[in-house]
Amino acid sequence: MFAAERRQLILEMVRANGAVSLRELARVVQTSEVTVRRDVRALEAEGLLDRRHGGAVLPGGFTRESGFPQKSHLATAEKTAIADLAAGLVEEGEAIVVGAGTTTQELARRLARVPGLTVVTNSLLVAQALAHANRVEVVMTGGTLRGSNYALVGSGAEQSLQGLRVSRAFLSGSGLTAERGLSTSNMLSASVDRALVQAAAEVVVLADHTKLGTDTMFQTVPTDVITRLVTDEPPAHDDRAGTELQALADQGVQIAVAGASGAPGGDQVPARRGQERRDVPLPGPRRGQVPAGAGPALRTAAVLGETPPGAERARVADLRRR
């Protein structure tokens, strides 16, 4: 396929879906991600699309938001892996809130197997995924239906969350940066997400690597409020995602990395119920978790899922002392 034909096909895919990952573009045009990235850069120079971390979107800057049909076809394998890992954080009999989004919908499908669970949500898709689950109680907010993502928003949704207290909030969004935290392109959605956060003792953000480093118009969760990020493993050449993960870890966010193949690639390390993030000592070094006060080498190893230097020897010595 000639470059002009490739670029035309790429443009048609982005126009049809609103947002497409580089991995998916490379699969469809049957070439490498390096070549696709070059094509996307050329199309962006012509003003035909915008590059985003790990993919391409229609022009629109901070205010553009893809609808549910477009989002549901973006990074599907990564979202499945993230949902598998995040489900391991939820305990039997827990009360949680789950926000709207395609990744949180995947999580809800797995939560249907957790007995005694109470899920508060403003998402029709999350509620639908749990509708027939045995021993799972679903509590929906009020509000006005926003058809583009099947979520209830507005003052009715926010008022119904007043006085609520649960152990964890699971949220997604349009972008995540270490500087601003989680953000979204819609003001009404951002306002409800902030109300969900106020109801939870801990905040868990579910974001695939294409959202890392992306900043959108309305901040929903500042970085210092995020307890844990569950994400997928970025491609080896994606330096931007690795840098963003390191910056988030440096600010105290616990990182859990799931394998993009669909199997969890990071430790499932549930936080204790009611635990305040920085006031309680965390367990020792695990993949995807960064202990407080860790040096640069340990932080890097934890984010990338490697065993930090000397960690194995330290564990053996500790076992001998016991």
Foldseek 3Di string as FASTA:
>chain_A
DDLVVLLVVQLVVQVVQQKEFLVVSCVVVVHDSVSVVVSQVVCVVVVQWADFQRIIGGDDPQQDDTFPRNQLPYLVLFLLQLLVLVLLQDAAQFEEEEEFDNSSLSNLLVVLPRANYEYEYQAPSSCVSNVPRPRYHYHYFAADADPRGRGHWDPRRLVSLPPAAGAEYEYEEQAAFLQFGGFHNDPRSLVNLLSSLVRHLAYEYEDELRRYPDDHDGGRDGLLRHAEYEYEQDPPVSVRSLVRLLSSVVSQHQFAYQYSNNGGPFDNDHDDGNDHRPPDFDDPQGARGDGPPDDPQSSSCNNNGHDGPPNVVVVVVVVVVD
